[in-house]
């Protein structure tokens, strides 16, 4: 590792001694992104919505302005969502309407064919996407000493070139599409990704070998307020995870330090390794190998 021209593979990432520390820092970055724009970050915080957002962005970045039939439209978006079995037509349509309602995307002026109304993300909606990409490139750099992030920042069109290839990789990955038990419990919850990032961000990497790994969470109420989730809804999901043996409390439930199981921690790290390998392969294909350490 560290040689020029070698995208890191999943097993190299998963077995890297610095992974726990690097991924904890990444989770903390994700928390900061969430705090900056909770509503927009929540779009990326459940598995289904995350994949839909990536598909929409890839269609946007791959558009051909000279060919209005290749613009991002609601109809094209819904077709690709259904072709990839990510969501139903109704769910995809509701997602578009929600994105328009919150001004994350906007309708463009009509094209040559007045019936077609292309969509595009607003500039402010792309900032957290770029932040997400940069956080993951930073993690990869911290593993092998290469300079992906510096290379990314030098190229104004880097996001437009890398993101569609990341979307392709995510959609074709079985581990991404069919996560393990605890991970799947959270990934289908709105803000579930944020819940997991928050739990992991409070874990001391030196505790990663323990059966019950303490987190920084003490109060469900405070946790729910930070997440902008209903306390009841969050408590129910945490209870489900508790029944699986994935988490619990060192003392009184909801009023003591929460722990996560070593299995859950391993699932999270494996999922990060899968995603980081997809991002690294996409980065190298789009921009070429990053200079090594």
C-alpha atoms as a PDB file:
ATOM      1  CA  UNK A   1       0.000   0.000   0.000  1.00  0.00           C
ATOM      2  CA  UNK A   2       1.096   3.578  -0.516  1.00  0.00           C
ATOM      3  CA  UNK A   3       2.349   2.833  -4.013  1.00  0.00           C
ATOM      4  CA  UNK A   4       1.153   5.059  -6.788  1.00  0.00           C
ATOM      5  CA  UNK A   5      -1.609   3.621  -8.922  1.00  0.00           C
ATOM      6  CA  UNK A   6      -3.090   1.087  -6.531  1.00  0.00           C
ATOM      7  CA  UNK A   7      -6.672   1.659  -5.414  1.00  0.00           C
ATOM      8  CA  UNK A   8      -7.095   0.010  -2.016  1.00  0.00           C
ATOM      9  CA  UNK A   9      -9.139  -3.198  -2.005  1.00  0.00           C
ATOM     10  CA  UNK A  10     -11.818  -3.968   0.560  1.00  0.00           C
ATOM     11  CA  UNK A  11      -9.727  -6.558   2.412  1.00  0.00           C
ATOM     12  CA  UNK A  12      -6.725  -4.208   2.591  1.00  0.00           C
ATOM     13  CA  UNK A  13      -8.942  -1.518   4.112  1.00  0.00           C
ATOM     14  CA  UNK A  14     -10.760  -3.881   6.490  1.00  0.00           C
ATOM     15  CA  UNK A  15      -7.468  -5.268   7.820  1.00  0.00           C
ATOM     16  CA  UNK A  16      -5.673  -1.945   8.151  1.00  0.00           C
ATOM     17  CA  UNK A  17      -4.478  -1.219  11.715  1.00  0.00           C
ATOM     18  CA  UNK A  18      -5.443   2.480  11.385  1.00  0.00           C
ATOM     19  CA  UNK A  19      -8.994   1.759  10.164  1.00  0.00           C
ATOM     20  CA  UNK A  20     -10.810   2.140  13.503  1.00  0.00           C
ATOM     21  CA  UNK A  21      -9.191   5.481  14.269  1.00  0.00           C
ATOM     22  CA  UNK A  22      -9.640   6.796  10.708  1.00  0.00           C
ATOM     23  CA  UNK A  23     -13.273   5.736  10.474  1.00  0.00           C
ATOM     24  CA  UNK A  24     -14.056   7.243  13.879  1.00  0.00           C
ATOM     25  CA  UNK A  25     -12.701  10.580  12.573  1.00  0.00           C
ATOM     26  CA  UNK A  26     -14.819  10.099   9.429  1.00  0.00           C
ATOM     27  CA  UNK A  27     -17.936   9.492  11.554  1.00  0.00           C
ATOM     28  CA  UNK A  28     -17.196  12.715  13.454  1.00  0.00           C
ATOM     29  CA  UNK A  29     -16.950  14.557  10.097  1.00  0.00           C
ATOM     30  CA  UNK A  30     -20.316  13.080   9.093  1.00  0.00           C
ATOM     31  CA  UNK A  31     -21.811  14.367  12.362  1.00  0.00           C
ATOM     32  CA  UNK A  32     -20.517  17.876  11.581  1.00  0.00           C
ATOM     33  CA  UNK A  33     -22.022  17.711   8.077  1.00  0.00           C
ATOM     34  CA  UNK A  34     -25.334  16.631   9.608  1.00  0.00           C
ATOM     35  CA  UNK A  35     -25.309  19.545  12.057  1.00  0.00           C
ATOM     36  CA  UNK A  36     -24.660  22.004   9.206  1.00  0.00           C
ATOM     37  CA  UNK A  37     -27.775  20.910   7.313  1.00  0.00           C
ATOM     38  CA  UNK A  38     -29.820  18.247   9.142  1.00  0.00           C
ATOM     39  CA  UNK A  39     -32.643  18.124   6.598  1.00  0.00           C
ATOM     40  CA  UNK A  40     -30.375  17.660   3.606  1.00  0.00           C
ATOM     41  CA  UNK A  41     -28.083  15.248   5.446  1.00  0.00           C
ATOM     42  CA  UNK A  42     -31.120  13.150   6.387  1.00  0.00           C
ATOM     43  CA  UNK A  43     -31.626  12.521   2.655  1.00  0.00           C
ATOM     44  CA  UNK A  44     -28.418  10.495   2.721  1.00  0.00           C
ATOM     45  CA  UNK A  45     -29.077   8.839   6.055  1.00  0.00           C
ATOM     46  CA  UNK A  46     -31.306   5.919   5.066  1.00  0.00           C
ATOM     47  CA  UNK A  47     -30.187   3.249   2.641  1.00  0.00           C
ATOM     48  CA  UNK A  48     -32.982   3.663   0.114  1.00  0.00           C
ATOM     49  CA  UNK A  49     -32.876   7.473   0.017  1.00  0.00           C
ATOM     50  CA  UNK A  50     -29.057   7.418  -0.135  1.00  0.00           C
ATOM     51  CA  UNK A  51     -29.138   5.204  -3.227  1.00  0.00           C
ATOM     52  CA  UNK A  52     -31.899   7.307  -4.822  1.00  0.00           C
ATOM     53  CA  UNK A  53     -29.879  10.478  -4.228  1.00  0.00           C
ATOM     54  CA  UNK A  54     -26.770   8.904  -5.786  1.00  0.00           C
ATOM     55  CA  UNK A  55     -28.775   7.806  -8.840  1.00  0.00           C
ATOM     56  CA  UNK A  56     -30.227  11.306  -9.274  1.00  0.00           C
ATOM     57  CA  UNK A  57     -26.790  12.929  -8.969  1.00  0.00           C
ATOM     58  CA  UNK A  58     -25.253  10.477 -11.453  1.00  0.00           C
ATOM     59  CA  UNK A  59     -28.019  11.246 -13.986  1.00  0.00           C
ATOM     60  CA  UNK A  60     -27.385  14.958 -13.455  1.00  0.00           C
ATOM     61  CA  UNK A  61     -23.617  14.702 -13.893  1.00  0.00           C
ATOM     62  CA  UNK A  62     -23.962  12.443 -16.956  1.00  0.00           C
ATOM     63  CA  UNK A  63     -26.462  14.670 -18.723  1.00  0.00           C
ATOM     64  CA  UNK A  64     -25.699  15.947 -22.194  1.00  0.00           C
ATOM     65  CA  UNK A  65     -26.888  19.560 -22.406  1.00  0.00           C
ATOM     66  CA  UNK A  66     -27.047  19.335 -26.203  1.00  0.00           C
ATOM     67  CA  UNK A  67     -29.441  16.370 -26.018  1.00  0.00           C
ATOM     68  CA  UNK A  68     -32.541  17.150 -23.996  1.00  0.00           C
ATOM     69  CA  UNK A  69     -33.457  13.429 -23.962  1.00  0.00           C
ATOM     70  CA  UNK A  70     -30.417  12.814 -21.740  1.00  0.00           C
ATOM     71  CA  UNK A  71     -31.260  15.465 -19.151  1.00  0.00           C
ATOM     72  CA  UNK A  72     -32.243  14.501 -15.608  1.00  0.00           C
ATOM     73  CA  UNK A  73     -36.055  14.387 -15.580  1.00  0.00           C
ATOM     74  CA  UNK A  74     -38.527  12.878 -13.118  1.00  0.00           C
ATOM     75  CA  UNK A  75     -39.445  10.186 -15.675  1.00  0.00           C
ATOM     76  CA  UNK A  76     -35.808   9.150 -16.298  1.00  0.00           C
ATOM     77  CA  UNK A  77     -35.081   9.163 -12.578  1.00  0.00           C
ATOM     78  CA  UNK A  78     -38.079   6.936 -11.786  1.00  0.00           C
ATOM     79  CA  UNK A  79     -37.160   4.535 -14.625  1.00  0.00           C
ATOM     80  CA  UNK A  80     -33.583   4.087 -13.372  1.00  0.00           C
ATOM     81  CA  UNK A  81     -34.758   3.667  -9.753  1.00  0.00           C
ATOM     82  CA  UNK A  82     -37.114   0.884 -10.876  1.00  0.00           C
ATOM     83  CA  UNK A  83     -34.559  -0.756 -13.217  1.00  0.00           C
ATOM     84  CA  UNK A  84     -32.188  -1.043 -10.257  1.00  0.00           C
ATOM     85  CA  UNK A  85     -34.940  -2.236  -7.869  1.00  0.00           C
ATOM     86  CA  UNK A  86     -34.128   0.524  -5.383  1.00  0.00           C
ATOM     87  CA  UNK A  87     -37.701   1.701  -4.752  1.00  0.00           C
ATOM     88  CA  UNK A  88     -41.223   1.666  -6.160  1.00  0.00           C
ATOM     89  CA  UNK A  89     -42.466   4.234  -8.677  1.00  0.00           C
ATOM     90  CA  UNK A  90     -44.507   5.941  -5.932  1.00  0.00           C
ATOM     91  CA  UNK A  91     -41.553   6.155  -3.534  1.00  0.00           C
ATOM     92  CA  UNK A  92     -39.284   7.576  -6.255  1.00  0.00           C
ATOM     93  CA  UNK A  93     -41.952  10.091  -7.285  1.00  0.00           C
ATOM     94  CA  UNK A  94     -42.478  11.160  -3.643  1.00  0.00           C
ATOM     95  CA  UNK A  95     -38.692  11.576  -3.263  1.00  0.00           C
ATOM     96  CA  UNK A  96     -38.555  13.962  -6.257  1.00  0.00           C
ATOM     97  CA  UNK A  97     -41.497  15.980  -4.889  1.00  0.00           C
ATOM     98  CA  UNK A  98     -39.811  16.227  -1.471  1.00  0.00           C
ATOM     99  CA  UNK A  99     -36.514  17.363  -3.018  1.00  0.00           C
ATOM    100  CA  UNK A 100     -38.396  20.062  -4.973  1.00  0.00           C
ATOM    101  CA  UNK A 101     -40.385  21.099  -1.893  1.00  0.00           C
ATOM    102  CA  UNK A 102     -37.221  21.684   0.153  1.00  0.00           C
ATOM    103  CA  UNK A 103     -35.446  23.392  -2.781  1.00  0.00           C
ATOM    104  CA  UNK A 104     -32.688  20.781  -2.984  1.00  0.00           C
ATOM    105  CA  UNK A 105     -33.456  20.440  -6.688  1.00  0.00           C
ATOM    106  CA  UNK A 106     -35.114  22.833  -9.109  1.00  0.00           C
ATOM    107  CA  UNK A 107     -36.896  22.721 -12.439  1.00  0.00           C
ATOM    108  CA  UNK A 108     -34.936  24.130 -15.344  1.00  0.00           C
ATOM    109  CA  UNK A 109     -36.484  26.172 -18.161  1.00  0.00           C
ATOM    110  CA  UNK A 110     -38.359  24.095 -20.732  1.00  0.00           C
ATOM    111  CA  UNK A 111     -36.363  22.510 -23.554  1.00  0.00           C
ATOM    112  CA  UNK A 112     -37.059  22.216 -27.277  1.00  0.00           C
ATOM    113  CA  UNK A 113     -39.779  19.771 -26.269  1.00  0.00           C
ATOM    114  CA  UNK A 114     -42.039  21.762 -23.940  1.00  0.00           C
ATOM    115  CA  UNK A 115     -43.297  18.592 -22.222  1.00  0.00           C
ATOM    116  CA  UNK A 116     -39.848  17.823 -20.806  1.00  0.00           C
ATOM    117  CA  UNK A 117     -38.848  19.708 -17.674  1.00  0.00           C
ATOM    118  CA  UNK A 118     -35.269  18.868 -16.687  1.00  0.00           C
ATOM    119  CA  UNK A 119     -34.277  18.939 -13.014  1.00  0.00           C
ATOM    120  CA  UNK A 120     -30.976  19.911 -11.457  1.00  0.00           C
ATOM    121  CA  UNK A 121     -29.603  20.028  -7.904  1.00  0.00           C
ATOM    122  CA  UNK A 122     -29.145  23.530  -6.525  1.00  0.00           C
ATOM    123  CA  UNK A 123     -25.544  24.508  -5.804  1.00  0.00           C
ATOM    124  CA  UNK A 124     -26.036  24.501  -2.013  1.00  0.00           C
ATOM    125  CA  UNK A 125     -27.277  20.879  -2.175  1.00  0.00           C
ATOM    126  CA  UNK A 126     -24.019  19.766  -3.785  1.00  0.00           C
ATOM    127  CA  UNK A 127     -21.882  21.130  -0.926  1.00  0.00           C
ATOM    128  CA  UNK A 128     -22.690  18.300   1.540  1.00  0.00           C
ATOM    129  CA  UNK A 129     -22.191  15.747  -1.262  1.00  0.00           C
ATOM    130  CA  UNK A 130     -18.723  17.134  -1.875  1.00  0.00           C
ATOM    131  CA  UNK A 131     -18.156  17.170   1.900  1.00  0.00           C
ATOM    132  CA  UNK A 132     -19.138  13.478   2.046  1.00  0.00           C
ATOM    133  CA  UNK A 133     -16.728  12.670  -0.793  1.00  0.00           C
ATOM    134  CA  UNK A 134     -13.882  14.664   0.796  1.00  0.00           C
ATOM    135  CA  UNK A 135     -14.354  12.974   4.189  1.00  0.00           C
ATOM    136  CA  UNK A 136     -13.999   9.548   2.569  1.00  0.00           C
ATOM    137  CA  UNK A 137     -10.991  10.570   0.464  1.00  0.00           C
ATOM    138  CA  UNK A 138      -9.358  11.886   3.643  1.00  0.00           C
ATOM    139  CA  UNK A 139      -9.962   8.494   5.294  1.00  0.00           C
ATOM    140  CA  UNK A 140      -8.349   6.696   2.338  1.00  0.00           C
ATOM    141  CA  UNK A 141      -5.371   9.082   2.452  1.00  0.00           C
ATOM    142  CA  UNK A 142      -4.975   8.411   6.178  1.00  0.00           C
ATOM    143  CA  UNK A 143      -4.655   4.678   5.431  1.00  0.00           C
ATOM    144  CA  UNK A 144      -1.956   4.766   2.765  1.00  0.00           C
ATOM    145  CA  UNK A 145      -0.460   8.265   2.859  1.00  0.00           C
ATOM    146  CA  UNK A 146      -1.548   9.123  -0.714  1.00  0.00           C
ATOM    147  CA  UNK A 147      -2.915  12.558  -1.642  1.00  0.00           C
ATOM    148  CA  UNK A 148      -6.363  11.926  -3.138  1.00  0.00           C
ATOM    149  CA  UNK A 149      -7.992  14.837  -1.311  1.00  0.00           C
ATOM    150  CA  UNK A 150      -5.412  17.366  -2.554  1.00  0.00           C
ATOM    151  CA  UNK A 151      -5.834  16.007  -6.090  1.00  0.00           C
ATOM    152  CA  UNK A 152      -9.644  16.210  -5.799  1.00  0.00           C
ATOM    153  CA  UNK A 153      -9.512  19.823  -4.588  1.00  0.00           C
ATOM    154  CA  UNK A 154      -7.346  20.889  -7.537  1.00  0.00           C
ATOM    155  CA  UNK A 155      -9.960  19.847 -10.110  1.00  0.00           C
ATOM    156  CA  UNK A 156     -13.179  21.868 -10.201  1.00  0.00           C
ATOM    157  CA  UNK A 157     -15.092  19.090 -11.987  1.00  0.00           C
ATOM    158  CA  UNK A 158     -13.816  16.287  -9.718  1.00  0.00           C
ATOM    159  CA  UNK A 159     -17.201  15.629  -8.064  1.00  0.00           C
ATOM    160  CA  UNK A 160     -18.953  15.448 -11.456  1.00  0.00           C
ATOM    161  CA  UNK A 161     -16.379  12.917 -12.669  1.00  0.00           C
ATOM    162  CA  UNK A 162     -16.088  10.715  -9.584  1.00  0.00           C
ATOM    163  CA  UNK A 163     -19.653  10.597  -8.209  1.00  0.00           C
ATOM    164  CA  UNK A 164     -21.350   8.754 -11.126  1.00  0.00           C
ATOM    165  CA  UNK A 165     -18.741   5.986 -10.881  1.00  0.00           C
ATOM    166  CA  UNK A 166     -19.311   5.795  -7.112  1.00  0.00           C
ATOM    167  CA  UNK A 167     -23.060   5.450  -7.788  1.00  0.00           C
ATOM    168  CA  UNK A 168     -22.378   2.606 -10.245  1.00  0.00           C
ATOM    169  CA  UNK A 169     -20.220   0.856  -7.661  1.00  0.00           C
ATOM    170  CA  UNK A 170     -22.777   1.219  -4.866  1.00  0.00           C
ATOM    171  CA  UNK A 171     -25.633  -0.070  -7.028  1.00  0.00           C
ATOM    172  CA  UNK A 172     -23.678  -3.123  -8.179  1.00  0.00           C
ATOM    173  CA  UNK A 173     -22.465  -4.056  -4.668  1.00  0.00           C
ATOM    174  CA  UNK A 174     -24.351  -6.845  -2.899  1.00  0.00           C
ATOM    175  CA  UNK A 175     -22.995  -5.883   0.557  1.00  0.00           C
ATOM    176  CA  UNK A 176     -24.288  -2.321   0.000  1.00  0.00           C
ATOM    177  CA  UNK A 177     -27.677  -3.502  -1.283  1.00  0.00           C
ATOM    178  CA  UNK A 178     -28.139  -6.265   1.316  1.00  0.00           C
ATOM    179  CA  UNK A 179     -26.460  -5.168   4.556  1.00  0.00           C
ATOM    180  CA  UNK A 180     -25.970  -7.424   7.572  1.00  0.00           C
ATOM    181  CA  UNK A 181     -28.582  -7.718  10.333  1.00  0.00           C
ATOM    182  CA  UNK A 182     -27.931  -4.763  12.650  1.00  0.00           C
ATOM    183  CA  UNK A 183     -26.752  -2.513   9.882  1.00  0.00           C
ATOM    184  CA  UNK A 184     -29.938  -3.229   7.916  1.00  0.00           C
ATOM    185  CA  UNK A 185     -32.023  -2.438  11.004  1.00  0.00           C
ATOM    186  CA  UNK A 186     -30.634   1.104  10.965  1.00  0.00           C
ATOM    187  CA  UNK A 187     -30.100   1.666   7.241  1.00  0.00           C
ATOM    188  CA  UNK A 188     -33.813   1.509   6.510  1.00  0.00           C
ATOM    189  CA  UNK A 189     -34.602   4.003   9.282  1.00  0.00           C
ATOM    190  CA  UNK A 190     -34.754   7.676   8.310  1.00  0.00           C
ATOM    191  CA  UNK A 191     -31.565   9.152   9.794  1.00  0.00           C
ATOM    192  CA  UNK A 192     -30.340   5.613  10.498  1.00  0.00           C
ATOM    193  CA  UNK A 193     -26.948   6.346   9.016  1.00  0.00           C
ATOM    194  CA  UNK A 194     -26.637   9.325  11.338  1.00  0.00           C
ATOM    195  CA  UNK A 195     -27.564   7.130  14.315  1.00  0.00           C
ATOM    196  CA  UNK A 196     -24.736   4.722  13.467  1.00  0.00           C
ATOM    197  CA  UNK A 197     -22.194   7.483  12.783  1.00  0.00           C
ATOM    198  CA  UNK A 198     -23.042   9.098  16.127  1.00  0.00           C
ATOM    199  CA  UNK A 199     -22.639   5.804  18.001  1.00  0.00           C
ATOM    200  CA  UNK A 200     -19.283   5.035  16.340  1.00  0.00           C
ATOM    201  CA  UNK A 201     -17.974   8.595  16.720  1.00  0.00           C
ATOM    202  CA  UNK A 202     -18.095   8.135  20.497  1.00  0.00           C
ATOM    203  CA  UNK A 203     -16.169   4.844  20.529  1.00  0.00           C
ATOM    204  CA  UNK A 204     -12.554   4.833  21.693  1.00  0.00           C
ATOM    205  CA  UNK A 205     -10.658   2.859  19.001  1.00  0.00           C
ATOM    206  CA  UNK A 206      -8.620   1.243  21.782  1.00  0.00           C
ATOM    207  CA  UNK A 207     -11.863  -0.388  23.010  1.00  0.00           C
ATOM    208  CA  UNK A 208     -12.617  -1.963  19.610  1.00  0.00           C
ATOM    209  CA  UNK A 209     -11.555  -5.429  20.797  1.00  0.00           C
ATOM    210  CA  UNK A 210     -14.044  -5.549  23.691  1.00  0.00           C
ATOM    211  CA  UNK A 211     -17.294  -7.545  23.534  1.00  0.00           C
ATOM    212  CA  UNK A 212     -19.265  -4.500  24.726  1.00  0.00           C
ATOM    213  CA  UNK A 213     -17.754  -1.279  23.432  1.00  0.00           C
ATOM    214  CA  UNK A 214     -18.776   1.911  25.293  1.00  0.00           C
ATOM    215  CA  UNK A 215     -20.103   4.829  23.197  1.00  0.00           C
ATOM    216  CA  UNK A 216     -20.553   8.480  24.096  1.00  0.00           C
ATOM    217  CA  UNK A 217     -24.364   8.150  24.305  1.00  0.00           C
ATOM    218  CA  UNK A 218     -25.928   8.463  27.746  1.00  0.00           C
ATOM    219  CA  UNK A 219     -29.424   9.929  27.254  1.00  0.00           C
ATOM    220  CA  UNK A 220     -31.881   8.734  24.586  1.00  0.00           C
ATOM    221  CA  UNK A 221     -33.703  12.059  24.910  1.00  0.00           C
ATOM    222  CA  UNK A 222     -30.580  14.114  24.120  1.00  0.00           C
ATOM    223  CA  UNK A 223     -29.691  11.703  21.314  1.00  0.00           C
ATOM    224  CA  UNK A 224     -33.194  12.007  19.795  1.00  0.00           C
ATOM    225  CA  UNK A 225     -33.126  15.819  20.050  1.00  0.00           C
ATOM    226  CA  UNK A 226     -29.776  15.985  18.278  1.00  0.00           C
ATOM    227  CA  UNK A 227     -31.077  13.666  15.532  1.00  0.00           C
ATOM    228  CA  UNK A 228     -34.375  15.583  15.197  1.00  0.00           C
ATOM    229  CA  UNK A 229     -36.131  12.230  15.647  1.00  0.00           C
ATOM    230  CA  UNK A 230     -39.033  11.362  17.919  1.00  0.00           C
ATOM    231  CA  UNK A 231     -37.746   9.888  21.178  1.00  0.00           C
ATOM    232  CA  UNK A 232     -40.344   7.090  20.963  1.00  0.00           C
ATOM    233  CA  UNK A 233     -39.339   6.160  17.418  1.00  0.00           C
ATOM    234  CA  UNK A 234     -35.626   6.120  18.269  1.00  0.00           C
ATOM    235  CA  UNK A 235     -36.201   4.166  21.494  1.00  0.00           C
ATOM    236  CA  UNK A 236     -38.175   1.536  19.555  1.00  0.00           C
ATOM    237  CA  UNK A 237     -35.350   1.091  17.016  1.00  0.00           C
ATOM    238  CA  UNK A 238     -32.760   0.932  19.788  1.00  0.00           C
ATOM    239  CA  UNK A 239     -34.900  -1.703  21.560  1.00  0.00           C
ATOM    240  CA  UNK A 240     -34.944  -3.782  18.341  1.00  0.00           C
ATOM    241  CA  UNK A 241     -31.147  -3.542  18.153  1.00  0.00           C
ATOM    242  CA  UNK A 242     -30.945  -4.411  21.858  1.00  0.00           C
ATOM    243  CA  UNK A 243     -32.992  -7.576  21.241  1.00  0.00           C
ATOM    244  CA  UNK A 244     -30.480  -8.594  18.569  1.00  0.00           C
ATOM    245  CA  UNK A 245     -27.720  -8.154  21.167  1.00  0.00           C
ATOM    246  CA  UNK A 246     -26.198  -5.327  19.125  1.00  0.00           C
ATOM    247  CA  UNK A 247     -26.328  -2.677  21.835  1.00  0.00           C
ATOM    248  CA  UNK A 248     -27.300  -2.105  25.436  1.00  0.00           C
ATOM    249  CA  UNK A 249     -26.625   0.044  28.492  1.00  0.00           C
ATOM    250  CA  UNK A 250     -23.924  -0.390  31.089  1.00  0.00           C
ATOM    251  CA  UNK A 251     -26.461   0.573  33.793  1.00  0.00           C
ATOM    252  CA  UNK A 252     -30.083   1.763  33.677  1.00  0.00           C
ATOM    253  CA  UNK A 253     -31.577   1.726  30.168  1.00  0.00           C
ATOM    254  CA  UNK A 254     -31.587   5.191  28.630  1.00  0.00           C
ATOM    255  CA  UNK A 255     -29.772   6.758  31.604  1.00  0.00           C
ATOM    256  CA  UNK A 256     -26.313   5.197  31.464  1.00  0.00           C
ATOM    257  CA  UNK A 257     -23.567   4.781  28.874  1.00  0.00           C
ATOM    258  CA  UNK A 258     -24.739   2.864  25.820  1.00  0.00           C
ATOM    259  CA  UNK A 259     -22.509   0.107  24.449  1.00  0.00           C
ATOM    260  CA  UNK A 260     -22.390  -1.476  21.008  1.00  0.00           C
ATOM    261  CA  UNK A 261     -21.445  -5.116  20.483  1.00  0.00           C
ATOM    262  CA  UNK A 262     -18.193  -6.151  18.841  1.00  0.00           C
ATOM    263  CA  UNK A 263     -20.330  -7.739  16.060  1.00  0.00           C
ATOM    264  CA  UNK A 264     -22.112  -4.456  15.358  1.00  0.00           C
ATOM    265  CA  UNK A 265     -18.819  -2.554  15.403  1.00  0.00           C
ATOM    266  CA  UNK A 266     -17.365  -5.111  12.965  1.00  0.00           C
ATOM    267  CA  UNK A 267     -20.422  -4.809  10.689  1.00  0.00           C
ATOM    268  CA  UNK A 268     -20.034  -1.036  10.614  1.00  0.00           C
ATOM    269  CA  UNK A 269     -16.298  -1.256   9.843  1.00  0.00           C
ATOM    270  CA  UNK A 270     -16.892  -3.845   7.109  1.00  0.00           C
ATOM    271  CA  UNK A 271     -19.561  -1.630   5.540  1.00  0.00           C
ATOM    272  CA  UNK A 272     -17.135   1.310   5.606  1.00  0.00           C
ATOM    273  CA  UNK A 273     -14.416  -0.831   3.987  1.00  0.00           C
ATOM    274  CA  UNK A 274     -16.825  -1.835   1.193  1.00  0.00           C
ATOM    275  CA  UNK A 275     -17.809   1.794   0.575  1.00  0.00           C
ATOM    276  CA  UNK A 276     -14.241   3.138   0.774  1.00  0.00           C
ATOM    277  CA  UNK A 277     -13.034   0.532  -1.751  1.00  0.00           C
ATOM    278  CA  UNK A 278     -15.843   1.563  -4.141  1.00  0.00           C
ATOM    279  CA  UNK A 279     -14.935   5.239  -3.746  1.00  0.00           C
ATOM    280  CA  UNK A 280     -11.206   4.565  -4.235  1.00  0.00           C
ATOM    281  CA  UNK A 281     -11.796   2.535  -7.409  1.00  0.00           C
ATOM    282  CA  UNK A 282     -14.095   5.268  -8.771  1.00  0.00           C
ATOM    283  CA  UNK A 283     -11.586   7.990  -7.885  1.00  0.00           C
ATOM    284  CA  UNK A 284      -8.740   6.205  -9.655  1.00  0.00           C
ATOM    285  CA  UNK A 285     -10.859   5.484 -12.746  1.00  0.00           C
ATOM    286  CA  UNK A 286     -12.064   9.090 -12.972  1.00  0.00           C
ATOM    287  CA  UNK A 287      -8.968  11.075 -12.008  1.00  0.00           C
ATOM    288  CA  UNK A 288      -6.099   8.606 -12.196  1.00  0.00           C
ATOM    289  CA  UNK A 289      -3.865   7.323  -9.398  1.00  0.00           C
ATOM    290  CA  UNK A 290      -3.113   9.695  -6.527  1.00  0.00           C
ATOM    291  CA  UNK A 291       0.573  10.286  -5.778  1.00  0.00           C
ATOM    292  CA  UNK A 292       1.637   7.894  -3.020  1.00  0.00           C
ATOM    293  CA  UNK A 293       3.309   8.575   0.275  1.00  0.00           C
END
